[in-house]
C-alpha atoms as a PDB file:
ATOM      1  CA  MET A   1      -2.594 236.043  39.023  1.00  0.00           C
ATOM      2  CA  LEU A   2      -4.471 238.063  41.571  1.00  0.00           C
ATOM      3  CA  VAL A   3      -8.210 237.150  41.656  1.00  0.00           C
ATOM      4  CA  GLN A   4     -10.344 240.175  42.145  1.00  0.00           C
ATOM      5  CA  GLY A   5     -11.449 240.477  45.790  1.00  0.00           C
ATOM      6  CA  SER A   6      -8.626 238.270  47.223  1.00  0.00           C
ATOM      7  CA  GLY A   7      -8.621 240.245  50.355  1.00  0.00           C
ATOM      8  CA  ASN A   8      -5.106 241.756  50.298  1.00  0.00           C
ATOM      9  CA  PRO A   9      -5.205 244.480  52.812  1.00  0.00           C
ATOM     10  CA  PRO A  10      -3.798 248.020  51.624  1.00  0.00           C
ATOM     11  CA  ARG A  11      -0.578 249.237  52.662  1.00  0.00           C
ATOM     12  CA  PRO A  12      -0.235 251.335  55.962  1.00  0.00           C
ATOM     13  CA  GLY A  13      -1.001 254.934  54.966  1.00  0.00           C
ATOM     14  CA  SER A  14      -2.432 254.355  51.537  1.00  0.00           C
ATOM     15  CA  ALA A  15      -5.930 255.185  50.300  1.00  0.00           C
ATOM     16  CA  PRO A  16      -8.091 251.864  49.901  1.00  0.00           C
ATOM     17  CA  ARG A  17      -8.257 250.841  46.574  1.00  0.00           C
ATOM     18  CA  PRO A  18     -11.765 250.841  44.894  1.00  0.00           C
ATOM     19  CA  VAL A  19     -13.222 247.511  43.844  1.00  0.00           C
ATOM     20  CA  ARG A  20     -14.953 247.294  40.718  1.00  0.00           C
ATOM     21  CA  ARG A  21     -17.471 244.561  40.813  1.00  0.00           C
ATOM     22  CA  LEU A  22     -18.431 242.976  37.428  1.00  0.00           C
ATOM     23  CA  ARG A  23     -21.185 240.209  36.642  1.00  0.00           C
ATOM     24  CA  PRO A  24     -19.216 238.114  34.304  1.00  0.00           C
ATOM     25  CA  PRO A  25     -20.994 236.027  31.757  1.00  0.00           C
ATOM     26  CA  ALA A  26     -21.603 232.371  32.120  1.00  0.00           C
ATOM     27  CA  GLY A  27     -18.233 230.591  31.367  1.00  0.00           C
ATOM     28  CA  SER A  28     -16.113 233.621  32.429  1.00  0.00           C
ATOM     29  CA  ARG A  29     -14.273 234.841  35.403  1.00  0.00           C
ATOM     30  CA  SER A  30     -13.462 238.411  36.500  1.00  0.00           C
ATOM     31  CA  VAL A  31      -9.683 238.777  37.346  1.00  0.00           C
ATOM     32  CA  ALA A  32      -7.276 241.622  37.760  1.00  0.00           C
ATOM     33  CA  THR A  33      -4.109 241.162  36.104  1.00  0.00           C
ATOM     34  CA  SER A  34      -2.137 243.310  38.359  1.00  0.00           C
ATOM     35  CA  LEU A  35      -2.218 245.173  41.658  1.00  0.00           C
ATOM     36  CA  GLY A  36      -4.874 247.928  41.314  1.00  0.00           C
ATOM     37  CA  ALA A  37      -5.591 246.968  37.688  1.00  0.00           C
ATOM     38  CA  ALA A  38      -9.285 247.158  36.478  1.00  0.00           C
ATOM     39  CA  ALA A  39     -10.844 243.828  36.490  1.00  0.00           C
ATOM     40  CA  GLN A  40     -11.073 242.104  32.981  1.00  0.00           C
ATOM     41  CA  THR A  41     -13.575 239.495  31.731  1.00  0.00           C
ATOM     42  CA  VAL A  42     -11.664 236.449  30.700  1.00  0.00           C
ATOM     43  CA  GLN A  43     -13.501 233.768  28.930  1.00  0.00           C
ATOM     44  CA  TYR A  44     -12.902 230.141  30.124  1.00  0.00           C
ATOM     45  CA  PRO A  45     -14.137 226.988  28.473  1.00  0.00           C
ATOM     46  CA  THR A  46     -17.231 226.002  30.379  1.00  0.00           C
ATOM     47  CA  LEU A  47     -15.933 222.567  31.257  1.00  0.00           C
ATOM     48  CA  MET A  48     -12.229 223.610  31.666  1.00  0.00           C
ATOM     49  CA  ARG A  49     -10.883 221.257  34.062  1.00  0.00           C
ATOM     50  CA  ARG A  50      -7.330 220.242  35.590  1.00  0.00           C
ATOM     51  CA  ALA A  51      -5.969 217.566  33.101  1.00  0.00           C
ATOM     52  CA  SER A  52      -2.998 215.209  33.680  1.00  0.00           C
ATOM     53  CA  GLU A  53      -2.059 211.693  32.871  1.00  0.00           C
ATOM     54  CA  GLU A  54      -3.323 210.422  36.316  1.00  0.00           C
ATOM     55  CA  VAL A  55      -6.845 212.146  36.129  1.00  0.00           C
ATOM     56  CA  GLY A  56      -9.561 210.217  34.735  1.00  0.00           C
ATOM     57  CA  THR A  57     -13.336 208.804  35.319  1.00  0.00           C
ATOM     58  CA  ASP A  58     -12.105 205.185  35.872  1.00  0.00           C
ATOM     59  CA  PHE A  59     -12.616 204.264  39.636  1.00  0.00           C
ATOM     60  CA  ALA A  60     -14.209 201.156  39.096  1.00  0.00           C
ATOM     61  CA  GLU A  61     -12.688 199.849  42.424  1.00  0.00           C
ATOM     62  CA  SER A  62     -14.633 202.514  44.235  1.00  0.00           C
ATOM     63  CA  LEU A  63     -18.041 201.686  42.807  1.00  0.00           C
ATOM     64  CA  PRO A  64     -20.533 199.925  44.855  1.00  0.00           C
ATOM     65  CA  GLY A  65     -21.104 196.172  44.367  1.00  0.00           C
ATOM     66  CA  GLU A  66     -18.620 193.258  44.883  1.00  0.00           C
ATOM     67  CA  PRO A  67     -15.570 192.613  42.610  1.00  0.00           C
ATOM     68  CA  TRP A  68     -16.281 188.766  42.794  1.00  0.00           C
ATOM     69  CA  SER A  69     -19.159 186.695  41.134  1.00  0.00           C
ATOM     70  CA  ALA A  70     -22.497 185.613  42.459  1.00  0.00           C
ATOM     71  CA  ALA A  71     -20.995 182.524  43.433  1.00  0.00           C
ATOM     72  CA  TRP A  72     -19.078 183.891  46.260  1.00  0.00           C
ATOM     73  CA  THR A  73     -20.030 185.426  49.738  1.00  0.00           C
ATOM     74  CA  ALA A  74     -17.895 187.606  51.732  1.00  0.00           C
ATOM     75  CA  ASP A  75     -17.270 184.737  54.327  1.00  0.00           C
ATOM     76  CA  LYS A  76     -16.301 182.339  51.439  1.00  0.00           C
ATOM     77  CA  VAL A  77     -13.839 185.071  50.012  1.00  0.00           C
ATOM     78  CA  ILE A  78     -12.255 185.478  53.396  1.00  0.00           C
ATOM     79  CA  GLU A  79     -11.708 181.692  53.818  1.00  0.00           C
ATOM     80  CA  THR A  80     -10.209 181.482  50.568  1.00  0.00           C
ATOM     81  CA  LEU A  81      -7.948 184.559  50.325  1.00  0.00           C
ATOM     82  CA  GLY A  82      -7.205 185.227  54.115  1.00  0.00           C
ATOM     83  CA  PRO A  83      -4.648 182.254  54.156  1.00  0.00           C
ATOM     84  CA  LEU A  84      -2.961 184.063  50.940  1.00  0.00           C
ATOM     85  CA  ALA A  85      -2.210 187.506  52.854  1.00  0.00           C
ATOM     86  CA  SER A  86       0.429 187.683  55.430  1.00  0.00           C
ATOM     87  CA  ASP A  87      -0.314 187.843  59.237  1.00  0.00           C
ATOM     88  CA  GLU A  88       0.643 191.226  59.360  1.00  0.00           C
ATOM     89  CA  ARG A  89      -1.603 192.320  56.272  1.00  0.00           C
ATOM     90  CA  ASN A  90      -4.613 190.717  57.907  1.00  0.00           C
ATOM     91  CA  THR A  91      -3.870 192.431  61.152  1.00  0.00           C
ATOM     92  CA  ARG A  92      -3.703 195.738  59.558  1.00  0.00           C
ATOM     93  CA  ILE A  93      -6.698 195.330  57.505  1.00  0.00           C
ATOM     94  CA  GLN A  94      -8.731 194.207  60.669  1.00  0.00           C
ATOM     95  CA  SER A  95      -7.528 197.105  62.697  1.00  0.00           C
ATOM     96  CA  VAL A  96      -8.662 199.647  59.970  1.00  0.00           C
ATOM     97  CA  ILE A  97     -11.871 198.085  59.523  1.00  0.00           C
ATOM     98  CA  GLU A  98     -12.599 198.104  63.210  1.00  0.00           C
ATOM     99  CA  GLN A  99     -12.166 201.779  63.291  1.00  0.00           C
ATOM    100  CA  ARG A 100     -14.527 202.558  60.229  1.00  0.00           C
ATOM    101  CA  LEU A 101     -17.473 204.828  60.737  1.00  0.00           C
ATOM    102  CA  GLU A 102     -21.094 204.330  59.370  1.00  0.00           C
ATOM    103  CA  SER A 103     -22.293 207.275  61.494  1.00  0.00           C
ATOM    104  CA  VAL A 104     -20.337 209.906  59.393  1.00  0.00           C
ATOM    105  CA  THR A 105     -20.325 210.339  55.659  1.00  0.00           C
ATOM    106  CA  VAL A 106     -19.436 213.057  52.936  1.00  0.00           C
ATOM    107  CA  LEU A 107     -21.615 214.277  50.088  1.00  0.00           C
ATOM    108  CA  LEU A 108     -19.780 216.143  47.341  1.00  0.00           C
ATOM    109  CA  ASP A 109     -21.984 218.518  45.419  1.00  0.00           C
ATOM    110  CA  ALA A 110     -20.707 218.904  41.715  1.00  0.00           C
ATOM    111  CA  PRO A 111     -16.971 218.853  42.320  1.00  0.00           C
ATOM    112  CA  HIS A 112     -15.144 220.316  39.558  1.00  0.00           C
ATOM    113  CA  ASP A 113     -11.447 219.822  40.429  1.00  0.00           C
ATOM    114  CA  PRO A 114     -10.257 216.322  40.280  1.00  0.00           C
ATOM    115  CA  HIS A 115      -7.608 217.103  42.683  1.00  0.00           C
ATOM    116  CA  ASN A 116     -10.010 218.495  45.255  1.00  0.00           C
ATOM    117  CA  GLY A 117     -12.405 215.540  45.080  1.00  0.00           C
ATOM    118  CA  SER A 118      -9.330 213.038  45.339  1.00  0.00           C
ATOM    119  CA  ALA A 119      -7.904 214.922  48.404  1.00  0.00           C
ATOM    120  CA  VAL A 120     -11.442 214.616  50.052  1.00  0.00           C
ATOM    121  CA  MET A 121     -11.371 210.904  49.472  1.00  0.00           C
ATOM    122  CA  ARG A 122      -8.000 210.595  50.945  1.00  0.00           C
ATOM    123  CA  SER A 123      -9.291 212.486  53.920  1.00  0.00           C
ATOM    124  CA  CYS A 124     -12.229 210.262  54.246  1.00  0.00           C
ATOM    125  CA  ASP A 125     -10.047 207.268  54.557  1.00  0.00           C
ATOM    126  CA  ALA A 126      -7.676 208.796  56.957  1.00  0.00           C
ATOM    127  CA  PHE A 127     -10.734 209.487  59.378  1.00  0.00           C
ATOM    128  CA  GLY A 128     -12.274 206.178  59.134  1.00  0.00           C
ATOM    129  CA  ILE A 129     -15.146 206.958  56.623  1.00  0.00           C
ATOM    130  CA  PRO A 130     -15.568 204.063  54.001  1.00  0.00           C
ATOM    131  CA  THR A 131     -18.164 205.838  51.999  1.00  0.00           C
ATOM    132  CA  VAL A 132     -18.448 208.934  49.740  1.00  0.00           C
ATOM    133  CA  HIS A 133     -21.422 210.225  48.004  1.00  0.00           C
ATOM    134  CA  VAL A 134     -21.303 212.448  44.719  1.00  0.00           C
ATOM    135  CA  VAL A 135     -23.749 214.439  42.829  1.00  0.00           C
ATOM    136  CA  ALA A 136     -21.927 215.160  39.622  1.00  0.00           C
ATOM    137  CA  ARG A 137     -24.843 217.168  37.899  1.00  0.00           C
ATOM    138  CA  VAL A 138     -22.847 218.774  34.965  1.00  0.00           C
ATOM    139  CA  GLU A 139     -19.457 217.009  34.953  1.00  0.00           C
ATOM    140  CA  SER A 140     -18.542 213.322  35.454  1.00  0.00           C
ATOM    141  CA  PHE A 141     -16.740 212.823  38.711  1.00  0.00           C
ATOM    142  CA  MET A 142     -13.062 212.351  38.112  1.00  0.00           C
ATOM    143  CA  ILE A 143     -10.142 211.289  40.376  1.00  0.00           C
ATOM    144  CA  ALA A 144      -6.538 211.885  40.553  1.00  0.00           C
ATOM    145  CA  ARG A 145      -4.514 208.682  41.581  1.00  0.00           C
ATOM    146  CA  ARG A 146      -1.529 210.826  42.358  1.00  0.00           C
ATOM    147  CA  ILE A 147      -3.732 212.612  45.064  1.00  0.00           C
ATOM    148  CA  THR A 148      -5.917 209.620  46.197  1.00  0.00           C
ATOM    149  CA  LYS A 149      -2.457 207.692  46.830  1.00  0.00           C
ATOM    150  CA  GLY A 150      -4.543 204.499  46.518  1.00  0.00           C
ATOM    151  CA  THR A 151      -7.423 205.248  48.797  1.00  0.00           C
ATOM    152  CA  GLU A 152      -9.881 204.618  45.893  1.00  0.00           C
ATOM    153  CA  ARG A 153      -9.155 200.956  46.776  1.00  0.00           C
ATOM    154  CA  TRP A 154     -10.691 201.210  49.968  1.00  0.00           C
ATOM    155  CA  LEU A 155     -13.687 203.373  49.639  1.00  0.00           C
ATOM    156  CA  GLU A 156     -17.003 203.154  48.081  1.00  0.00           C
ATOM    157  CA  VAL A 157     -18.233 206.065  45.772  1.00  0.00           C
ATOM    158  CA  HIS A 158     -21.814 206.331  45.302  1.00  0.00           C
ATOM    159  CA  ASP A 159     -22.627 208.490  42.339  1.00  0.00           C
ATOM    160  CA  HIS A 160     -26.211 209.761  42.566  1.00  0.00           C
ATOM    161  CA  LYS A 161     -28.047 210.932  39.640  1.00  0.00           C
ATOM    162  CA  THR A 162     -29.654 214.036  41.171  1.00  0.00           C
ATOM    163  CA  ALA A 163     -29.495 215.953  44.141  1.00  0.00           C
ATOM    164  CA  GLU A 164     -33.010 214.780  45.548  1.00  0.00           C
ATOM    165  CA  ALA A 165     -32.033 211.368  44.916  1.00  0.00           C
ATOM    166  CA  ALA A 166     -28.839 211.824  47.043  1.00  0.00           C
ATOM    167  CA  ALA A 167     -30.829 213.674  49.824  1.00  0.00           C
ATOM    168  CA  ALA A 168     -33.516 210.948  49.776  1.00  0.00           C
ATOM    169  CA  HIS A 169     -30.917 208.092  50.080  1.00  0.00           C
ATOM    170  CA  LEU A 170     -29.165 209.860  53.031  1.00  0.00           C
ATOM    171  CA  LEU A 171     -32.290 210.899  54.814  1.00  0.00           C
ATOM    172  CA  ALA A 172     -33.882 207.575  54.613  1.00  0.00           C
ATOM    173  CA  ARG A 173     -30.873 205.975  56.447  1.00  0.00           C
ATOM    174  CA  GLY A 174     -31.196 208.554  59.250  1.00  0.00           C
ATOM    175  CA  TYR A 175     -28.404 211.128  58.501  1.00  0.00           C
ATOM    176  CA  GLU A 176     -28.759 214.740  59.238  1.00  0.00           C
ATOM    177  CA  MET A 177     -27.384 216.701  56.329  1.00  0.00           C
ATOM    178  CA  VAL A 178     -25.240 219.756  57.477  1.00  0.00           C
ATOM    179  CA  ALA A 179     -24.107 222.299  54.994  1.00  0.00           C
ATOM    180  CA  THR A 180     -20.755 224.002  55.145  1.00  0.00           C
ATOM    181  CA  HIS A 181     -21.138 227.826  55.372  1.00  0.00           C
ATOM    182  CA  PRO A 182     -19.157 230.815  56.667  1.00  0.00           C
ATOM    183  CA  GLU A 183     -22.050 231.834  58.590  1.00  0.00           C
ATOM    184  CA  GLY A 184     -23.269 228.390  60.086  1.00  0.00           C
ATOM    185  CA  GLU A 185     -24.497 228.273  63.475  1.00  0.00           C
ATOM    186  CA  LEU A 186     -22.450 225.171  64.286  1.00  0.00           C
ATOM    187  CA  THR A 187     -18.614 225.021  64.811  1.00  0.00           C
ATOM    188  CA  PRO A 188     -16.313 221.943  64.063  1.00  0.00           C
ATOM    189  CA  PRO A 189     -16.475 220.376  67.670  1.00  0.00           C
ATOM    190  CA  ASP A 190     -20.285 220.379  67.377  1.00  0.00           C
ATOM    191  CA  LEU A 191     -20.209 217.648  64.548  1.00  0.00           C
ATOM    192  CA  ALA A 192     -18.805 215.175  66.914  1.00  0.00           C
ATOM    193  CA  HIS A 193     -22.330 215.125  68.907  1.00  0.00           C
ATOM    194  CA  ILE A 194     -24.479 214.624  65.733  1.00  0.00           C
ATOM    195  CA  PRO A 195     -25.468 210.921  65.907  1.00  0.00           C
ATOM    196  CA  ARG A 196     -25.640 210.386  62.192  1.00  0.00           C
ATOM    197  CA  LEU A 197     -23.697 213.092  60.041  1.00  0.00           C
ATOM    198  CA  ALA A 198     -23.840 213.662  56.232  1.00  0.00           C
ATOM    199  CA  LEU A 199     -21.452 216.668  55.619  1.00  0.00           C
ATOM    200  CA  LEU A 200     -22.377 218.676  52.492  1.00  0.00           C
ATOM    201  CA  LEU A 201     -19.566 219.932  50.628  1.00  0.00           C
ATOM    202  CA  GLY A 202     -20.253 222.555  47.521  1.00  0.00           C
ATOM    203  CA  ASN A 203     -18.869 223.138  44.127  1.00  0.00           C
ATOM    204  CA  GLU A 204     -15.681 225.329  44.506  1.00  0.00           C
ATOM    205  CA  HIS A 205     -17.390 228.021  42.534  1.00  0.00           C
ATOM    206  CA  ASP A 206     -20.949 227.829  43.047  1.00  0.00           C
ATOM    207  CA  GLY A 207     -21.558 226.273  46.630  1.00  0.00           C
ATOM    208  CA  ILE A 208     -24.165 224.006  47.507  1.00  0.00           C
ATOM    209  CA  CYS A 209     -27.134 223.669  45.018  1.00  0.00           C
ATOM    210  CA  GLU A 210     -30.512 224.910  46.649  1.00  0.00           C
ATOM    211  CA  PRO A 211     -32.126 221.281  46.224  1.00  0.00           C
ATOM    212  CA  LEU A 212     -29.647 220.056  48.761  1.00  0.00           C
ATOM    213  CA  LEU A 213     -29.442 223.225  51.098  1.00  0.00           C
ATOM    214  CA  ARG A 214     -33.466 222.796  51.394  1.00  0.00           C
ATOM    215  CA  HIS A 215     -32.661 219.434  53.263  1.00  0.00           C
ATOM    216  CA  ALA A 216     -29.809 220.755  55.489  1.00  0.00           C
ATOM    217  CA  LYS A 217     -31.443 222.167  58.602  1.00  0.00           C
ATOM    218  CA  ARG A 218     -28.088 223.489  60.100  1.00  0.00           C
ATOM    219  CA  ALA A 219     -24.709 224.652  58.837  1.00  0.00           C
ATOM    220  CA  VAL A 220     -21.170 224.528  60.031  1.00  0.00           C
ATOM    221  CA  ARG A 221     -18.685 227.204  59.908  1.00  0.00           C
ATOM    222  CA  ILE A 222     -14.846 227.127  60.505  1.00  0.00           C
ATOM    223  CA  PRO A 223     -13.715 230.006  62.525  1.00  0.00           C
ATOM    224  CA  MET A 224     -10.853 231.934  60.980  1.00  0.00           C
ATOM    225  CA  ARG A 225      -8.562 234.846  62.098  1.00  0.00           C
ATOM    226  CA  GLY A 226      -6.980 236.042  59.016  1.00  0.00           C
ATOM    227  CA  PHE A 227      -7.888 238.186  55.947  1.00  0.00           C
ATOM    228  CA  VAL A 228      -9.216 235.035  54.034  1.00  0.00           C
ATOM    229  CA  GLU A 229     -12.936 234.065  54.144  1.00  0.00           C
ATOM    230  CA  SER A 230     -12.801 230.778  53.116  1.00  0.00           C
ATOM    231  CA  LEU A 231     -10.602 227.395  52.766  1.00  0.00           C
ATOM    232  CA  ASN A 232     -10.145 225.312  49.950  1.00  0.00           C
ATOM    233  CA  VAL A 233     -13.035 222.577  49.810  1.00  0.00           C
ATOM    234  CA  SER A 234     -10.561 219.548  50.386  1.00  0.00           C
ATOM    235  CA  VAL A 235      -8.741 221.546  53.239  1.00  0.00           C
ATOM    236  CA  ALA A 236     -12.289 222.348  54.853  1.00  0.00           C
ATOM    237  CA  ALA A 237     -13.231 218.786  54.351  1.00  0.00           C
ATOM    238  CA  ALA A 238     -10.038 217.530  56.402  1.00  0.00           C
ATOM    239  CA  VAL A 239     -10.567 220.055  59.358  1.00  0.00           C
ATOM    240  CA  LEU A 240     -14.337 219.068  59.579  1.00  0.00           C
ATOM    241  CA  LEU A 241     -13.830 215.463  59.263  1.00  0.00           C
ATOM    242  CA  SER A 242     -11.154 215.474  61.999  1.00  0.00           C
ATOM    243  CA  ALA A 243     -13.608 217.185  64.368  1.00  0.00           C
ATOM    244  CA  ALA A 244     -16.696 215.229  63.423  1.00  0.00           C
ATOM    245  CA  THR A 245     -14.805 211.770  64.027  1.00  0.00           C
ATOM    246  CA  GLN A 246     -13.123 212.740  67.316  1.00  0.00           C
ATOM    247  CA  GLY A 247     -14.110 210.365  70.082  1.00  0.00           C
ATOM    248  CA  ARG A 248     -16.129 208.086  67.910  1.00  0.00           C
ATOM    249  CA  PRO A 249     -15.617 204.244  68.101  1.00  0.00           C
ATOM    250  CA  GLY A 250     -16.064 202.312  65.088  1.00  0.00           C
ATOM    251  CA  ASP A 251     -19.575 201.522  64.617  1.00  0.00           C
ATOM    252  CA  LEU A 252     -19.850 199.388  61.512  1.00  0.00           C
ATOM    253  CA  PRO A 253     -22.219 196.181  61.991  1.00  0.00           C
ATOM    254  CA  LEU A 254     -20.583 192.776  61.693  1.00  0.00           C
ATOM    255  CA  THR A 255     -21.780 191.949  58.386  1.00  0.00           C
ATOM    256  CA  GLU A 256     -20.434 195.254  57.168  1.00  0.00           C
ATOM    257  CA  LYS A 257     -17.210 194.549  58.662  1.00  0.00           C
ATOM    258  CA  ARG A 258     -16.778 191.245  57.098  1.00  0.00           C
ATOM    259  CA  ARG A 259     -17.783 192.412  53.685  1.00  0.00           C
ATOM    260  CA  LEU A 260     -15.225 195.261  53.800  1.00  0.00           C
ATOM    261  CA  TYR A 261     -12.760 192.665  55.063  1.00  0.00           C
ATOM    262  CA  ALA A 262     -13.390 190.506  51.854  1.00  0.00           C
ATOM    263  CA  ARG A 263     -13.159 193.393  49.735  1.00  0.00           C
ATOM    264  CA  ALA A 264      -9.962 194.546  51.382  1.00  0.00           C
ATOM    265  CA  LEU A 265      -8.459 190.956  50.830  1.00  0.00           C
ATOM    266  CA  PHE A 266      -9.736 190.986  47.099  1.00  0.00           C
ATOM    267  CA  ARG A 267      -7.638 194.291  46.679  1.00  0.00           C
ATOM    268  CA  SER A 268      -4.581 192.939  48.739  1.00  0.00           C
ATOM    269  CA  VAL A 269      -3.749 189.255  47.441  1.00  0.00           C
ATOM    270  CA  PRO A 270      -2.142 189.092  44.058  1.00  0.00           C
ATOM    271  CA  ARG A 271      -4.284 187.882  41.189  1.00  0.00           C
ATOM    272  CA  ALA A 272      -7.260 187.579  43.625  1.00  0.00           C
ATOM    273  CA  ALA A 273      -9.747 187.093  40.739  1.00  0.00           C
ATOM    274  CA  GLU A 274      -7.861 184.305  39.063  1.00  0.00           C
ATOM    275  CA  VAL A 275      -7.508 182.604  42.636  1.00  0.00           C
ATOM    276  CA  LEU A 276     -11.266 182.595  43.189  1.00  0.00           C
ATOM    277  CA  ALA A 277     -12.019 181.317  39.710  1.00  0.00           C
ATOM    278  CA  ALA A 278      -9.691 178.543  40.122  1.00  0.00           C
ATOM    279  CA  SER A 279     -11.144 177.596  43.465  1.00  0.00           C
ATOM    280  CA  LEU A 280     -14.547 177.236  41.936  1.00  0.00           C
ATOM    281  CA  LEU A 281     -13.262 174.665  39.380  1.00  0.00           C
ATOM    282  CA  ARG A 282     -12.108 172.303  42.289  1.00  0.00           C
END
C-alpha cells in the first residue's frame, strides 16, 4: 500500500503527478491504492492497534514501587539476595547501574503502536536511561515483549494521568523538555550539552499534544538527506538518545544505585520473593 504523500519522486521526463489532498473524517485515513490513483478515504476502527499474543498492558515489572514488602529495605534485599547470584551476574548488574543516567529521560505522548513504545524502551535501556515517562491519554500503554527483549524488567515506566501532570513532574525535577520537530533549532549533538534533558516523543499520527508543547522551549531535528521527511518514532528515539547520552558519565545518586541493584537482584535470583518471605520467618 502506498500512503498518499509518501514522497516518491516522479520518473525522469514524466510530468509530476497531481496530489489530491483530502481531509478524512475522524477514524479514517486517506490512501492511494496504486501509483497515480485517486486517494480514497478508508475507515479504520478508532482504536485499531497491532495485536499479537505477546502484546499486552501487563508490565507490572516496570511500574514504580518496590516488588518486596515494606519489611525490607534495599540494603537488606542486597544482603539477602546478593550471595545467591553468581559473581559474574553481580558484576554485570553493578557495571550497568554505574552507567545509568538520571540526567536524561524520555516522555512518550500517547504512543499508539505497542511495537514502537517497546522499541523505545529497549533503546532507553541500551543507552543507560532507567526511567520512561508516558502520557497514555486515549489508549492504555501496551508493550510487546518480543520487542522489549526483557528490558521491561530493568526499567521503570511512569504512566501519568495527564499531559500537565507529566510536565509538572519533569519540570519540578529540573528537566528541560525538548520536543522533536523537523524544523527544530537543535541537532542531535546539542542534546549532550543539556544538563537535564526530557526528550518528548509524539504520537505516531498526531505528534506532540499542545499542552506538552507549551512547556518545550526548544525542539530538536534530525538532519536528513533523502526524500523521506521523517523517521519512525522508535528510530528517531534511538538516534537522539545515542547523541544525548554521548560522553555523559553515570550520574545516579548512591541511594538510587542501591535501590536499582536490589531490584535487579530481585529480578535475577530465582524465586526471590519466596526467599525473602522465608528469611523473615527465621
